[in-house]
Amino acid sequence: MHPFIRECIPPILFRLKSKISKKNVKKIPLRYTPFNYLPRDINVKWIMDIGANDGSIAKSGLLSFRESKVICFEPVSTTFNLLKQNLSAFGNRTILHQMAVSDFNGESEINLTTCNPANSLIGQSKFYEHYNPSIKPLGKEKVKVIKLDDFIPDLPASHFDIVKIDVEGLELSVLRGGEKFFFKSVDMIKIEIAFQREFGWKHQNYLEIFKFLDSLGYRLINIYDVYNIAYDQEDVLEDMMITQIDCVFRKRVN
């Protein structure tokens, strides 16, 4: 618009146009981390949280998708009590199971540490001890373990929009134990890749995780929360290492 023409038009008309434009803009519902890293074109009814810890991620999901329900798996007794307490306000929107998820059914021992999110069915690797010197082992606890494919009849729904997996190095075991479930019943997977949980340089689980999810029809659509550790030394690059990343995979559409 020519400056002279603009000067001839009363300012109130521009303000009115601005108000009309704002009214026509579709308001985007607020999403809470980490669900703000997921696509906008999803209508979430069911979330599964494997390795739910204290329920912070499950709570974010319930707040992000107000019509959704969540089923949580958390094996450690003290952490499970925190989970129940933190999600109690959501009533029948939550289903909680005190059990671990892997590629077998039965019992196992979980390694307890000074940091609840670091509890794992596998012990601490040299990598993990090196990059997390403040996290110390506390002991073990016997826990119930299930594989998802055998648990399908007990699930509250036949379809899950989002499955979050954070099991401190056993992500591949969860996927293998739920191959049928993930192939038929899940749209999106949010998974932690824990490089620091590896037991040597030669074998990297992320390659198998990516390949396995590709075989089930998923593609990688996002990576976020990339953690690197660097120590205050002259040769920083030698000590620089990616310790974990969070990835989002979505079922491919033919």
C-alpha atoms as a PDB file:
ATOM      1  CA  MET A   1       0.000   0.000   0.000  1.00  0.00           C
ATOM      2  CA  HIS A   2       1.293   3.491  -0.918  1.00  0.00           C
ATOM      3  CA  PRO A   3       2.174   5.591   2.190  1.00  0.00           C
ATOM      4  CA  PHE A   4      -0.123   8.433   1.020  1.00  0.00           C
ATOM      5  CA  ILE A   5      -3.130   6.088   0.757  1.00  0.00           C
ATOM      6  CA  ARG A   6      -2.389   4.654   4.183  1.00  0.00           C
ATOM      7  CA  GLU A   7      -2.395   8.125   5.714  1.00  0.00           C
ATOM      8  CA  CYS A   8      -5.882   8.743   4.295  1.00  0.00           C
ATOM      9  CA  ILE A   9      -7.387   5.685   5.966  1.00  0.00           C
ATOM     10  CA  PRO A  10      -8.451   6.145   9.611  1.00  0.00           C
ATOM     11  CA  PRO A  11      -6.248   4.115  12.034  1.00  0.00           C
ATOM     12  CA  ILE A  12      -9.347   2.554  13.557  1.00  0.00           C
ATOM     13  CA  LEU A  13      -9.902   0.543  10.371  1.00  0.00           C
ATOM     14  CA  PHE A  14      -6.446  -1.041  10.651  1.00  0.00           C
ATOM     15  CA  ARG A  15      -7.105  -1.916  14.296  1.00  0.00           C
ATOM     16  CA  LEU A  16     -10.445  -3.464  13.329  1.00  0.00           C
ATOM     17  CA  LYS A  17      -8.764  -5.524  10.586  1.00  0.00           C
ATOM     18  CA  SER A  18      -6.176  -6.748  13.105  1.00  0.00           C
ATOM     19  CA  LYS A  19      -8.915  -7.863  15.535  1.00  0.00           C
ATOM     20  CA  ILE A  20     -10.818  -9.735  12.813  1.00  0.00           C
ATOM     21  CA  SER A  21      -7.620 -11.494  11.675  1.00  0.00           C
ATOM     22  CA  LYS A  22      -6.820 -12.612  15.227  1.00  0.00           C
ATOM     23  CA  LYS A  23     -10.344 -14.013  15.683  1.00  0.00           C
ATOM     24  CA  ASN A  24      -9.951 -16.135  12.557  1.00  0.00           C
ATOM     25  CA  VAL A  25      -6.651 -17.659  13.716  1.00  0.00           C
ATOM     26  CA  LYS A  26      -7.135 -21.178  15.065  1.00  0.00           C
ATOM     27  CA  LYS A  27      -5.828 -21.409  18.617  1.00  0.00           C
ATOM     28  CA  ILE A  28      -3.276 -24.177  19.067  1.00  0.00           C
ATOM     29  CA  PRO A  29      -3.794 -26.098  22.337  1.00  0.00           C
ATOM     30  CA  LEU A  30      -0.915 -25.902  24.795  1.00  0.00           C
ATOM     31  CA  ARG A  31       1.390 -28.915  24.789  1.00  0.00           C
ATOM     32  CA  TYR A  32       3.679 -29.851  27.640  1.00  0.00           C
ATOM     33  CA  THR A  33       7.184 -31.283  27.230  1.00  0.00           C
ATOM     34  CA  PRO A  34       7.962 -33.715  25.648  1.00  0.00           C
ATOM     35  CA  PHE A  35       4.643 -33.797  23.751  1.00  0.00           C
ATOM     36  CA  ASN A  36       5.388 -30.428  22.180  1.00  0.00           C
ATOM     37  CA  TYR A  37       7.898 -32.285  19.989  1.00  0.00           C
ATOM     38  CA  LEU A  38       5.138 -34.394  18.418  1.00  0.00           C
ATOM     39  CA  PRO A  39       3.155 -33.514  15.273  1.00  0.00           C
ATOM     40  CA  ARG A  40       0.082 -31.309  15.604  1.00  0.00           C
ATOM     41  CA  ASP A  41      -2.210 -33.485  13.485  1.00  0.00           C
ATOM     42  CA  ILE A  42      -2.882 -36.110  16.147  1.00  0.00           C
ATOM     43  CA  ASN A  43      -6.006 -36.761  18.195  1.00  0.00           C
ATOM     44  CA  VAL A  44      -4.680 -38.621  21.220  1.00  0.00           C
ATOM     45  CA  LYS A  45      -6.977 -40.954  23.150  1.00  0.00           C
ATOM     46  CA  TRP A  46      -4.536 -43.459  24.653  1.00  0.00           C
ATOM     47  CA  ILE A  47      -0.931 -43.080  25.866  1.00  0.00           C
ATOM     48  CA  MET A  48       1.279 -45.874  27.181  1.00  0.00           C
ATOM     49  CA  ASP A  49       4.189 -44.958  29.465  1.00  0.00           C
ATOM     50  CA  ILE A  50       6.780 -47.731  29.837  1.00  0.00           C
ATOM     51  CA  GLY A  51       9.235 -46.832  32.565  1.00  0.00           C
ATOM     52  CA  ALA A  52       6.875 -44.257  34.042  1.00  0.00           C
ATOM     53  CA  ASN A  53       9.066 -43.383  37.036  1.00  0.00           C
ATOM     54  CA  ASP A  54       7.269 -40.733  39.159  1.00  0.00           C
ATOM     55  CA  GLY A  55       4.640 -39.966  36.512  1.00  0.00           C
ATOM     56  CA  SER A  56       5.941 -36.612  35.287  1.00  0.00           C
ATOM     57  CA  ILE A  57       5.757 -37.613  31.602  1.00  0.00           C
ATOM     58  CA  ALA A  58       2.356 -39.263  32.020  1.00  0.00           C
ATOM     59  CA  LYS A  59       1.066 -36.111  33.700  1.00  0.00           C
ATOM     60  CA  SER A  60       2.370 -33.986  30.803  1.00  0.00           C
ATOM     61  CA  GLY A  61       0.498 -36.245  28.385  1.00  0.00           C
ATOM     62  CA  LEU A  62      -2.755 -36.010  30.317  1.00  0.00           C
ATOM     63  CA  LEU A  63      -2.481 -32.226  30.443  1.00  0.00           C
ATOM     64  CA  SER A  64      -1.497 -31.934  26.776  1.00  0.00           C
ATOM     65  CA  PHE A  65      -4.392 -34.101  25.569  1.00  0.00           C
ATOM     66  CA  ARG A  66      -7.365 -33.424  27.796  1.00  0.00           C
ATOM     67  CA  GLU A  67      -9.469 -36.312  26.472  1.00  0.00           C
ATOM     68  CA  SER A  68      -6.687 -38.884  26.767  1.00  0.00           C
ATOM     69  CA  LYS A  69      -6.059 -41.757  29.153  1.00  0.00           C
ATOM     70  CA  VAL A  70      -2.724 -43.298  30.118  1.00  0.00           C
ATOM     71  CA  ILE A  71      -1.526 -46.736  31.152  1.00  0.00           C
ATOM     72  CA  CYS A  72       1.768 -46.761  33.085  1.00  0.00           C
ATOM     73  CA  PHE A  73       4.330 -49.460  33.851  1.00  0.00           C
ATOM     74  CA  GLU A  74       6.744 -48.843  36.740  1.00  0.00           C
ATOM     75  CA  PRO A  75       8.348 -51.753  38.648  1.00  0.00           C
ATOM     76  CA  VAL A  76      10.118 -50.223  41.679  1.00  0.00           C
ATOM     77  CA  SER A  77       7.873 -50.148  44.755  1.00  0.00           C
ATOM     78  CA  THR A  78       8.899 -46.746  46.190  1.00  0.00           C
ATOM     79  CA  THR A  79       8.773 -45.094  42.762  1.00  0.00           C
ATOM     80  CA  PHE A  80       5.421 -46.723  42.025  1.00  0.00           C
ATOM     81  CA  ASN A  81       4.017 -45.156  45.202  1.00  0.00           C
ATOM     82  CA  LEU A  82       5.193 -41.750  43.964  1.00  0.00           C
ATOM     83  CA  LEU A  83       3.570 -42.476  40.609  1.00  0.00           C
ATOM     84  CA  LYS A  84       0.225 -43.229  42.261  1.00  0.00           C
ATOM     85  CA  GLN A  85       0.434 -40.103  44.388  1.00  0.00           C
ATOM     86  CA  ASN A  86       1.386 -37.795  41.516  1.00  0.00           C
ATOM     87  CA  LEU A  87      -1.379 -39.051  39.204  1.00  0.00           C
ATOM     88  CA  SER A  88      -4.121 -39.421  41.821  1.00  0.00           C
ATOM     89  CA  ALA A  89      -5.824 -36.196  40.722  1.00  0.00           C
ATOM     90  CA  PHE A  90      -6.559 -37.685  37.277  1.00  0.00           C
ATOM     91  CA  GLY A  91      -8.813 -40.432  38.645  1.00  0.00           C
ATOM     92  CA  ASN A  92     -10.027 -42.981  36.102  1.00  0.00           C
ATOM     93  CA  ARG A  93      -7.914 -41.466  33.335  1.00  0.00           C
ATOM     94  CA  THR A  94      -4.972 -43.545  34.598  1.00  0.00           C
ATOM     95  CA  ILE A  95      -4.220 -47.273  34.811  1.00  0.00           C
ATOM     96  CA  LEU A  96      -1.072 -48.164  36.755  1.00  0.00           C
ATOM     97  CA  HIS A  97       0.864 -51.445  36.785  1.00  0.00           C
ATOM     98  CA  GLN A  98       3.733 -52.193  39.141  1.00  0.00           C
ATOM     99  CA  MET A  99       5.805 -54.245  36.719  1.00  0.00           C
ATOM    100  CA  ALA A 100       8.673 -53.995  34.259  1.00  0.00           C
ATOM    101  CA  VAL A 101       8.357 -54.541  30.510  1.00  0.00           C
ATOM    102  CA  SER A 102      10.915 -56.588  28.571  1.00  0.00           C
ATOM    103  CA  ASP A 103      11.083 -59.593  26.202  1.00  0.00           C
ATOM    104  CA  PHE A 104      10.109 -62.282  28.748  1.00  0.00           C
ATOM    105  CA  ASN A 105       7.524 -63.030  31.417  1.00  0.00           C
ATOM    106  CA  GLY A 106       8.559 -63.787  34.967  1.00  0.00           C
ATOM    107  CA  GLU A 107      10.635 -62.268  37.728  1.00  0.00           C
ATOM    108  CA  SER A 108      13.901 -60.376  37.742  1.00  0.00           C
ATOM    109  CA  GLU A 109      15.999 -58.112  39.931  1.00  0.00           C
ATOM    110  CA  ILE A 110      16.179 -54.400  39.235  1.00  0.00           C
ATOM    111  CA  ASN A 111      19.298 -52.440  40.157  1.00  0.00           C
ATOM    112  CA  LEU A 112      18.400 -49.568  42.481  1.00  0.00           C
ATOM    113  CA  THR A 113      20.467 -46.382  42.507  1.00  0.00           C
ATOM    114  CA  THR A 114      20.625 -43.010  44.235  1.00  0.00           C
ATOM    115  CA  CYS A 115      18.662 -41.576  41.288  1.00  0.00           C
ATOM    116  CA  ASN A 116      15.242 -43.114  40.573  1.00  0.00           C
ATOM    117  CA  PRO A 117      15.326 -42.546  36.790  1.00  0.00           C
ATOM    118  CA  ALA A 118      18.588 -44.526  36.637  1.00  0.00           C
ATOM    119  CA  ASN A 119      17.130 -47.744  38.099  1.00  0.00           C
ATOM    120  CA  SER A 120      17.516 -50.514  35.547  1.00  0.00           C
ATOM    121  CA  LEU A 121      17.283 -54.264  35.001  1.00  0.00           C
ATOM    122  CA  ILE A 122      20.846 -54.081  33.712  1.00  0.00           C
ATOM    123  CA  GLY A 123      23.858 -53.030  35.768  1.00  0.00           C
ATOM    124  CA  GLN A 124      25.907 -49.906  35.270  1.00  0.00           C
ATOM    125  CA  SER A 125      28.402 -50.082  32.424  1.00  0.00           C
ATOM    126  CA  LYS A 126      31.858 -48.497  32.589  1.00  0.00           C
ATOM    127  CA  PHE A 127      30.552 -45.780  30.287  1.00  0.00           C
ATOM    128  CA  TYR A 128      27.676 -45.079  32.646  1.00  0.00           C
ATOM    129  CA  GLU A 129      29.874 -44.975  35.753  1.00  0.00           C
ATOM    130  CA  HIS A 130      32.309 -42.658  33.990  1.00  0.00           C
ATOM    131  CA  TYR A 131      29.717 -40.148  32.798  1.00  0.00           C
ATOM    132  CA  ASN A 132      27.515 -40.320  35.915  1.00  0.00           C
ATOM    133  CA  PRO A 133      29.918 -40.405  38.882  1.00  0.00           C
ATOM    134  CA  SER A 134      27.279 -39.028  41.269  1.00  0.00           C
ATOM    135  CA  ILE A 135      24.884 -41.963  40.711  1.00  0.00           C
ATOM    136  CA  LYS A 136      25.671 -44.830  43.061  1.00  0.00           C
ATOM    137  CA  PRO A 137      24.164 -48.333  43.382  1.00  0.00           C
ATOM    138  CA  LEU A 138      21.932 -48.940  46.401  1.00  0.00           C
ATOM    139  CA  GLY A 139      20.931 -52.583  46.052  1.00  0.00           C
ATOM    140  CA  LYS A 140      18.393 -54.722  44.214  1.00  0.00           C
ATOM    141  CA  GLU A 141      14.663 -55.381  44.297  1.00  0.00           C
ATOM    142  CA  LYS A 142      12.706 -58.302  42.863  1.00  0.00           C
ATOM    143  CA  VAL A 143      10.165 -57.171  40.293  1.00  0.00           C
ATOM    144  CA  LYS A 144       7.550 -58.700  38.015  1.00  0.00           C
ATOM    145  CA  VAL A 145       8.361 -58.601  34.292  1.00  0.00           C
ATOM    146  CA  ILE A 146       5.982 -58.946  31.334  1.00  0.00           C
ATOM    147  CA  LYS A 147       6.304 -58.922  27.555  1.00  0.00           C
ATOM    148  CA  LEU A 148       3.757 -56.751  25.798  1.00  0.00           C
ATOM    149  CA  ASP A 149       2.710 -59.298  23.180  1.00  0.00           C
ATOM    150  CA  ASP A 150       1.519 -61.640  25.936  1.00  0.00           C
ATOM    151  CA  PHE A 151      -0.104 -58.767  27.833  1.00  0.00           C
ATOM    152  CA  ILE A 152      -2.284 -57.655  24.898  1.00  0.00           C
ATOM    153  CA  PRO A 153      -5.481 -59.335  26.248  1.00  0.00           C
ATOM    154  CA  ASP A 154      -5.100 -57.307  29.470  1.00  0.00           C
ATOM    155  CA  LEU A 155      -4.690 -53.944  27.755  1.00  0.00           C
ATOM    156  CA  PRO A 156      -7.587 -51.463  28.079  1.00  0.00           C
ATOM    157  CA  ALA A 157      -7.581 -50.541  24.369  1.00  0.00           C
ATOM    158  CA  SER A 158      -6.740 -52.083  21.019  1.00  0.00           C
ATOM    159  CA  HIS A 159      -5.064 -48.934  19.719  1.00  0.00           C
ATOM    160  CA  PHE A 160      -2.503 -46.582  21.293  1.00  0.00           C
ATOM    161  CA  ASP A 161      -1.666 -43.209  19.819  1.00  0.00           C
ATOM    162  CA  ILE A 162       1.630 -42.744  21.682  1.00  0.00           C
ATOM    163  CA  VAL A 163       3.939 -45.156  23.485  1.00  0.00           C
ATOM    164  CA  LYS A 164       6.801 -43.676  25.487  1.00  0.00           C
ATOM    165  CA  ILE A 165       9.726 -46.015  26.290  1.00  0.00           C
ATOM    166  CA  ASP A 166      12.429 -45.059  28.782  1.00  0.00           C
ATOM    167  CA  VAL A 167      13.876 -48.162  30.422  1.00  0.00           C
ATOM    168  CA  GLU A 168      17.556 -47.322  30.837  1.00  0.00           C
ATOM    169  CA  GLY A 169      19.178 -49.492  28.193  1.00  0.00           C
ATOM    170  CA  LEU A 170      16.501 -52.151  27.692  1.00  0.00           C
ATOM    171  CA  GLU A 171      14.523 -50.323  25.003  1.00  0.00           C
ATOM    172  CA  LEU A 172      15.316 -52.954  22.367  1.00  0.00           C
ATOM    173  CA  SER A 173      14.082 -55.728  24.672  1.00  0.00           C
ATOM    174  CA  VAL A 174      10.780 -53.875  25.124  1.00  0.00           C
ATOM    175  CA  LEU A 175      10.383 -53.586  21.343  1.00  0.00           C
ATOM    176  CA  ARG A 176      11.197 -57.244  20.712  1.00  0.00           C
ATOM    177  CA  GLY A 177       8.781 -58.366  23.414  1.00  0.00           C
ATOM    178  CA  GLY A 178       6.026 -56.270  21.838  1.00  0.00           C
ATOM    179  CA  GLU A 179       6.685 -56.821  18.136  1.00  0.00           C
ATOM    180  CA  LYS A 180       3.065 -57.720  17.300  1.00  0.00           C
ATOM    181  CA  PHE A 181       1.718 -54.950  19.516  1.00  0.00           C
ATOM    182  CA  PHE A 182       3.845 -52.216  17.935  1.00  0.00           C
ATOM    183  CA  PHE A 183       3.202 -53.496  14.418  1.00  0.00           C
ATOM    184  CA  LYS A 184      -0.593 -53.550  14.747  1.00  0.00           C
ATOM    185  CA  SER A 185      -1.604 -51.166  17.506  1.00  0.00           C
ATOM    186  CA  VAL A 186       0.686 -48.125  17.840  1.00  0.00           C
ATOM    187  CA  ASP A 187       0.918 -44.919  15.794  1.00  0.00           C
ATOM    188  CA  MET A 188       3.828 -43.141  17.434  1.00  0.00           C
ATOM    189  CA  ILE A 189       6.766 -44.145  19.648  1.00  0.00           C
ATOM    190  CA  LYS A 190       8.800 -41.783  21.803  1.00  0.00           C
ATOM    191  CA  ILE A 191      11.935 -43.639  22.824  1.00  0.00           C
ATOM    192  CA  GLU A 192      15.125 -42.829  24.702  1.00  0.00           C
ATOM    193  CA  ILE A 193      18.371 -44.043  23.142  1.00  0.00           C
ATOM    194  CA  ALA A 194      20.872 -44.488  25.995  1.00  0.00           C
ATOM    195  CA  PHE A 195      24.392 -44.593  24.518  1.00  0.00           C
ATOM    196  CA  GLN A 196      25.897 -44.448  28.003  1.00  0.00           C
ATOM    197  CA  ARG A 197      24.283 -47.804  28.826  1.00  0.00           C
ATOM    198  CA  GLU A 198      26.376 -49.646  26.226  1.00  0.00           C
ATOM    199  CA  PHE A 199      29.034 -52.062  27.429  1.00  0.00           C
ATOM    200  CA  GLY A 200      31.652 -51.424  24.754  1.00  0.00           C
ATOM    201  CA  TRP A 201      32.610 -49.495  21.644  1.00  0.00           C
ATOM    202  CA  LYS A 202      31.952 -52.303  19.167  1.00  0.00           C
ATOM    203  CA  HIS A 203      28.235 -52.784  19.753  1.00  0.00           C
ATOM    204  CA  GLN A 204      25.749 -49.883  19.567  1.00  0.00           C
ATOM    205  CA  ASN A 205      22.118 -50.672  20.309  1.00  0.00           C
ATOM    206  CA  TYR A 206      20.743 -47.644  18.491  1.00  0.00           C
ATOM    207  CA  LEU A 207      21.507 -49.285  15.148  1.00  0.00           C
ATOM    208  CA  GLU A 208      19.382 -52.299  16.066  1.00  0.00           C
ATOM    209  CA  ILE A 209      16.594 -50.101  17.464  1.00  0.00           C
ATOM    210  CA  PHE A 210      16.417 -48.045  14.265  1.00  0.00           C
ATOM    211  CA  LYS A 211      16.533 -51.159  12.083  1.00  0.00           C
ATOM    212  CA  PHE A 212      13.877 -52.938  14.152  1.00  0.00           C
ATOM    213  CA  LEU A 213      11.478 -49.990  14.047  1.00  0.00           C
ATOM    214  CA  ASP A 214      12.027 -49.639  10.309  1.00  0.00           C
ATOM    215  CA  SER A 215      11.060 -53.298   9.855  1.00  0.00           C
ATOM    216  CA  LEU A 216       7.814 -52.615  11.755  1.00  0.00           C
ATOM    217  CA  GLY A 217       6.923 -49.736   9.442  1.00  0.00           C
ATOM    218  CA  TYR A 218       8.082 -46.707  11.424  1.00  0.00           C
ATOM    219  CA  ARG A 219      10.173 -43.785  10.330  1.00  0.00           C
ATOM    220  CA  LEU A 220      12.145 -41.290  12.421  1.00  0.00           C
ATOM    221  CA  ILE A 221      10.423 -37.893  12.499  1.00  0.00           C
ATOM    222  CA  ASN A 222      12.142 -36.023  15.333  1.00  0.00           C
ATOM    223  CA  ILE A 223      15.168 -36.001  17.652  1.00  0.00           C
ATOM    224  CA  TYR A 224      15.350 -33.804  20.748  1.00  0.00           C
ATOM    225  CA  ASP A 225      17.051 -33.537  24.141  1.00  0.00           C
ATOM    226  CA  VAL A 226      20.487 -34.489  22.851  1.00  0.00           C
ATOM    227  CA  TYR A 227      22.841 -34.807  25.821  1.00  0.00           C
ATOM    228  CA  ASN A 228      26.601 -34.477  25.471  1.00  0.00           C
ATOM    229  CA  ILE A 229      29.129 -34.740  28.267  1.00  0.00           C
ATOM    230  CA  ALA A 230      32.348 -32.740  28.130  1.00  0.00           C
ATOM    231  CA  TYR A 231      34.832 -32.377  30.949  1.00  0.00           C
ATOM    232  CA  ASP A 232      36.846 -29.253  31.660  1.00  0.00           C
ATOM    233  CA  GLN A 233      40.069 -30.514  30.132  1.00  0.00           C
ATOM    234  CA  GLU A 234      42.412 -29.235  27.453  1.00  0.00           C
ATOM    235  CA  ASP A 235      41.476 -31.965  24.992  1.00  0.00           C
ATOM    236  CA  VAL A 236      37.685 -31.640  25.312  1.00  0.00           C
ATOM    237  CA  LEU A 237      36.928 -33.496  22.083  1.00  0.00           C
ATOM    238  CA  GLU A 238      38.478 -36.670  23.441  1.00  0.00           C
ATOM    239  CA  ASP A 239      36.011 -36.651  26.320  1.00  0.00           C
ATOM    240  CA  MET A 240      33.042 -35.372  24.311  1.00  0.00           C
ATOM    241  CA  MET A 241      30.410 -38.084  23.967  1.00  0.00           C
ATOM    242  CA  ILE A 242      26.716 -38.188  23.225  1.00  0.00           C
ATOM    243  CA  THR A 243      25.148 -39.955  26.196  1.00  0.00           C
ATOM    244  CA  GLN A 244      21.486 -40.090  25.225  1.00  0.00           C
ATOM    245  CA  ILE A 245      18.885 -38.745  22.821  1.00  0.00           C
ATOM    246  CA  ASP A 246      15.120 -38.868  22.640  1.00  0.00           C
ATOM    247  CA  CYS A 247      13.614 -39.925  19.318  1.00  0.00           C
ATOM    248  CA  VAL A 248      10.089 -39.851  17.898  1.00  0.00           C
ATOM    249  CA  PHE A 249       9.067 -42.533  15.387  1.00  0.00           C
ATOM    250  CA  ARG A 250       5.798 -42.538  13.477  1.00  0.00           C
ATOM    251  CA  LYS A 251       4.087 -45.338  11.571  1.00  0.00           C
ATOM    252  CA  ARG A 252       4.599 -44.772   7.851  1.00  0.00           C
ATOM    253  CA  VAL A 253       1.538 -44.130   5.721  1.00  0.00           C
ATOM    254  CA  ASN A 254       1.421 -46.082   2.453  1.00  0.00           C
END
